[in-house]
Amino acid sequence: MLIKDIMTDAVIAIGPDMPIVDAASMMQLRKIQHFPVMDKEGQLVGIVSDRDILIIGSEHADAPAGLSIKDPIKKVMTTNIKTCQPDNPIEEVAKRMLELNIGSMPVVKNSKLVGIVTAKDFLKSVEKIMGGAEETIRLEIEVDNRPGALAELLVFLAKRSVNVLGVMTSFIDNDLVCFVLRVVCKQPQELIEALREADFHVTWPNNSLAHSA
């Protein structure tokens, strides 16, 4: 999945001279936490978050001194802007945002702002990848960390007409990989028992939950 698949492309940007109080009102009205800031030439010159605004006048250690909500947004916006591109893989951008400890990133193409991606967008993408919007069950299965192990699991499921909507890993070590799967299955208890009989280590649902299902 790429950034263009999860980003907000109807971006609302503000100007650097907008009073901070007006930007705060817009955030509340539109339920937005981040605004890209663009100059009169349409160039991206900054980004501002609700946190940047909320700490003004507070006793927070990062609160800028001598500012009021009547000052222009350019006095609180971040000018060292980190951006991504629409065709960047979401996992690469998510990793970069975590490393930078930022909650959003403007999306640019050919030096033009085309979208914005936020932490909330990544959470939605996880739900989509894992088939959360469908009627599915969740399986966690440990397999040997070797080539072909996942393929064997998927072949086993396919032979039983189990539709796999999403696959992720929850941990990997030298010996084992734990795969988290979202599957469509009308008889989950029978499937879990069949997996265990075939020596697949099902860690979720656990025995107590599986037998009470």
Protein backbone atom coordinates (compact mmCIF):
# COMPACT_ATOMS: atom_id res chain seq x y z
CA MET A 1 0.00 0.00 0.00
CA LEU A 2 1.28 3.45 -0.93
CA ILE A 3 0.84 6.87 0.66
CA LYS A 4 -1.54 7.94 -2.11
CA ASP A 5 -3.88 5.14 -0.99
CA ILE A 6 -4.30 6.52 2.54
CA MET A 7 -3.54 10.27 2.39
CA THR A 8 -6.07 13.08 2.55
CA ASP A 9 -5.93 14.82 -0.81
CA ALA A 10 -8.51 17.53 -0.05
CA VAL A 11 -5.91 19.47 1.90
CA ILE A 12 -6.87 22.60 3.81
CA ALA A 13 -3.90 24.97 3.98
CA ILE A 14 -3.60 28.33 5.70
CA GLY A 15 -1.42 31.38 5.16
CA PRO A 16 1.53 32.36 7.36
CA ASP A 17 -0.11 35.66 8.38
CA MET A 18 -3.33 34.11 9.68
CA PRO A 19 -3.78 34.95 13.40
CA ILE A 20 -3.17 31.98 15.65
CA VAL A 21 -6.64 32.36 17.17
CA ASP A 22 -8.25 32.01 13.71
CA ALA A 23 -6.24 28.88 12.95
CA ALA A 24 -7.35 27.42 16.28
CA SER A 25 -10.99 28.15 15.44
CA MET A 26 -10.61 26.48 12.03
CA MET A 27 -9.09 23.41 13.64
CA GLN A 28 -12.05 23.10 15.98
CA LEU A 29 -14.61 23.77 13.26
CA ARG A 30 -13.14 21.31 10.76
CA LYS A 31 -11.85 18.78 13.34
CA ILE A 32 -8.33 19.02 11.91
CA GLN A 33 -5.13 18.63 13.91
CA HIS A 34 -2.56 19.77 11.33
CA PHE A 35 -2.49 22.60 8.82
CA PRO A 36 0.09 22.98 6.05
CA VAL A 37 1.08 26.63 5.70
CA MET A 38 1.46 28.06 2.19
CA ASP A 39 2.59 31.48 1.01
CA LYS A 40 0.92 33.63 -1.66
CA GLU A 41 2.91 31.85 -4.39
CA GLY A 42 1.48 28.51 -3.32
CA GLN A 43 4.75 27.27 -1.85
CA LEU A 44 4.75 25.11 1.26
CA VAL A 45 6.52 27.14 3.93
CA GLY A 46 5.51 25.45 7.16
CA ILE A 47 3.20 23.16 9.10
CA VAL A 48 1.37 23.75 12.37
CA SER A 49 -0.31 21.32 14.74
CA ASP A 50 -2.98 21.72 17.40
CA ARG A 51 -0.27 21.09 20.00
CA ASP A 52 1.75 24.06 18.68
CA ILE A 53 -1.29 26.24 19.33
CA LEU A 54 -2.54 24.73 22.58
CA ILE A 55 0.71 25.31 24.48
CA ILE A 56 0.74 29.07 23.74
CA GLY A 57 0.45 30.95 27.01
CA SER A 58 0.75 27.76 29.05
CA GLU A 59 3.44 26.72 31.53
CA HIS A 60 4.56 23.89 29.25
CA ALA A 61 8.33 23.67 28.86
CA ASP A 62 8.03 24.03 25.07
CA ALA A 63 5.66 27.02 25.19
CA PRO A 64 7.13 29.93 23.18
CA ALA A 65 7.73 33.02 25.28
CA GLY A 66 6.09 36.35 24.52
CA LEU A 67 3.47 35.03 22.11
CA SER A 68 -0.27 35.59 22.16
CA ILE A 69 -3.07 34.02 20.14
CA LYS A 70 -3.32 37.28 18.17
CA ASP A 71 0.13 36.76 16.66
CA PRO A 72 0.46 35.29 13.12
CA ILE A 73 0.77 31.55 12.66
CA LYS A 74 4.25 31.98 11.15
CA LYS A 75 5.58 32.59 14.66
CA VAL A 76 4.67 29.09 15.82
CA MET A 77 4.74 27.01 12.64
CA THR A 78 7.48 24.47 11.95
CA THR A 79 9.57 25.56 8.98
CA ASN A 80 11.88 22.54 8.82
CA ILE A 81 9.23 20.57 6.97
CA LYS A 82 9.54 16.82 6.46
CA THR A 83 7.61 15.62 3.42
CA CYS A 84 6.88 12.42 1.55
CA GLN A 85 5.67 11.52 -1.94
CA PRO A 86 2.45 9.80 -3.08
CA ASP A 87 4.28 6.70 -4.29
CA ASN A 88 6.22 6.10 -1.06
CA PRO A 89 5.33 2.79 0.68
CA ILE A 90 3.33 3.48 3.84
CA GLU A 91 5.66 1.43 6.07
CA GLU A 92 8.66 3.55 5.08
CA VAL A 93 6.84 6.80 5.84
CA ALA A 94 5.43 5.43 9.11
CA LYS A 95 8.95 4.45 10.21
CA ARG A 96 10.27 7.89 9.33
CA MET A 97 7.48 9.65 11.23
CA LEU A 98 8.20 7.51 14.30
CA GLU A 99 11.90 8.30 14.10
CA LEU A 100 11.14 12.03 13.79
CA ASN A 101 8.39 11.88 16.45
CA ILE A 102 5.92 13.78 14.27
CA GLY A 103 2.19 13.22 13.82
CA SER A 104 1.76 14.25 10.20
CA MET A 105 3.64 14.72 6.96
CA PRO A 106 2.71 16.81 3.90
CA VAL A 107 2.67 14.88 0.63
CA VAL A 108 4.32 16.62 -2.31
CA LYS A 109 4.66 15.82 -6.00
CA ASN A 110 6.77 17.88 -8.38
CA SER A 111 7.23 20.42 -5.56
CA LYS A 112 3.45 20.86 -5.20
CA LEU A 113 1.38 19.99 -2.14
CA VAL A 114 -1.01 17.17 -3.10
CA GLY A 115 -2.02 15.76 0.27
CA ILE A 116 -1.27 15.18 3.92
CA VAL A 117 -0.89 11.94 5.86
CA THR A 118 -1.41 11.63 9.61
CA ALA A 119 -1.10 9.01 12.32
CA LYS A 120 -4.86 8.47 12.08
CA ASP A 121 -4.51 7.58 8.39
CA PHE A 122 -2.01 4.86 9.29
CA LEU A 123 -4.40 3.40 11.87
CA LYS A 124 -7.13 3.28 9.23
CA SER A 125 -4.73 1.56 6.84
CA VAL A 126 -4.02 -1.19 9.39
CA GLU A 127 -7.75 -1.86 9.67
CA LYS A 128 -8.03 -1.96 5.89
CA ILE A 129 -5.01 -4.23 5.43
CA MET A 130 -6.26 -6.64 8.06
CA GLY A 131 -9.81 -6.75 6.68
CA GLY A 132 -11.29 -5.09 9.76
CA ALA A 133 -14.26 -3.83 7.79
CA GLU A 134 -15.27 -7.37 6.82
CA GLU A 135 -16.83 -10.18 8.86
CA THR A 136 -13.62 -12.01 9.67
CA ILE A 137 -11.87 -13.90 12.43
CA ARG A 138 -8.36 -13.24 13.70
CA LEU A 139 -5.75 -15.99 13.81
CA GLU A 140 -2.21 -15.88 15.19
CA ILE A 141 -0.06 -18.76 14.00
CA GLU A 142 3.60 -19.42 14.72
CA VAL A 143 5.65 -21.12 12.00
CA ASP A 144 9.31 -21.89 11.51
CA ASN A 145 11.37 -18.98 10.28
CA ARG A 146 12.32 -20.53 6.95
CA PRO A 147 11.55 -20.08 3.26
CA GLY A 148 8.19 -21.53 2.27
CA ALA A 149 6.65 -21.67 5.75
CA LEU A 150 4.05 -18.98 5.03
CA ALA A 151 3.30 -20.50 1.63
CA GLU A 152 2.56 -23.85 3.27
CA LEU A 153 0.15 -22.18 5.70
CA LEU A 154 -1.65 -20.31 2.91
CA VAL A 155 -1.92 -23.49 0.79
CA PHE A 156 -3.40 -25.32 3.80
CA LEU A 157 -6.02 -22.57 4.19
CA ALA A 158 -6.77 -22.38 0.45
CA LYS A 159 -7.45 -26.12 0.29
CA ARG A 160 -10.15 -25.57 2.91
CA SER A 161 -11.69 -22.66 0.97
CA VAL A 162 -10.61 -20.17 3.63
CA ASN A 163 -10.32 -16.67 2.19
CA VAL A 164 -7.35 -14.76 3.67
CA LEU A 165 -7.96 -11.00 3.63
CA GLY A 166 -4.88 -9.83 5.47
CA VAL A 167 -1.51 -11.04 6.73
CA MET A 168 0.89 -9.28 9.09
CA THR A 169 3.72 -10.35 11.40
CA SER A 170 3.60 -9.71 15.15
CA PHE A 171 7.14 -10.89 15.88
CA ILE A 172 10.13 -12.51 14.24
CA ASP A 173 13.16 -14.19 15.79
CA ASN A 174 15.81 -16.57 14.50
CA ASP A 175 13.59 -19.63 14.88
CA LEU A 176 9.95 -18.49 14.61
CA VAL A 177 7.66 -16.07 12.86
CA CYS A 178 4.18 -15.26 14.19
CA PHE A 179 1.70 -14.37 11.46
CA VAL A 180 -1.53 -12.52 12.22
CA LEU A 181 -4.22 -13.37 9.68
CA ARG A 182 -7.71 -12.07 9.03
CA VAL A 183 -9.74 -14.82 7.38
CA VAL A 184 -13.30 -15.42 6.27
CA CYS A 185 -14.43 -18.73 7.71
CA LYS A 186 -17.93 -20.01 8.51
CA GLN A 187 -16.69 -22.71 10.90
CA PRO A 188 -13.72 -21.23 12.79
CA GLN A 189 -13.62 -23.91 15.49
CA GLU A 190 -13.21 -26.68 12.93
CA LEU A 191 -10.50 -24.68 11.16
CA ILE A 192 -8.55 -24.10 14.37
CA GLU A 193 -8.71 -27.80 15.23
CA ALA A 194 -7.57 -28.73 11.72
CA LEU A 195 -4.63 -26.33 11.95
CA ARG A 196 -3.54 -27.81 15.26
CA GLU A 197 -3.91 -31.37 13.96
CA ALA A 198 -1.63 -30.38 11.08
CA ASP A 199 0.96 -29.20 13.64
CA PHE A 200 0.43 -25.49 13.09
CA HIS A 201 0.92 -23.65 16.38
CA VAL A 202 -2.21 -21.50 16.79
CA THR A 203 -1.59 -18.96 19.56
CA TRP A 204 -4.84 -17.01 19.02
CA PRO A 205 -7.59 -17.84 19.71
CA ASN A 206 -6.12 -19.72 22.65
CA ASN A 207 -7.54 -23.04 23.81
CA SER A 208 -10.03 -21.62 26.30
CA LEU A 209 -11.46 -19.10 23.86
CA ALA A 210 -11.54 -21.56 20.97
CA HIS A 211 -13.45 -24.16 22.95
CA SER A 212 -15.94 -21.57 24.23
CA ALA A 213 -16.61 -20.13 20.76
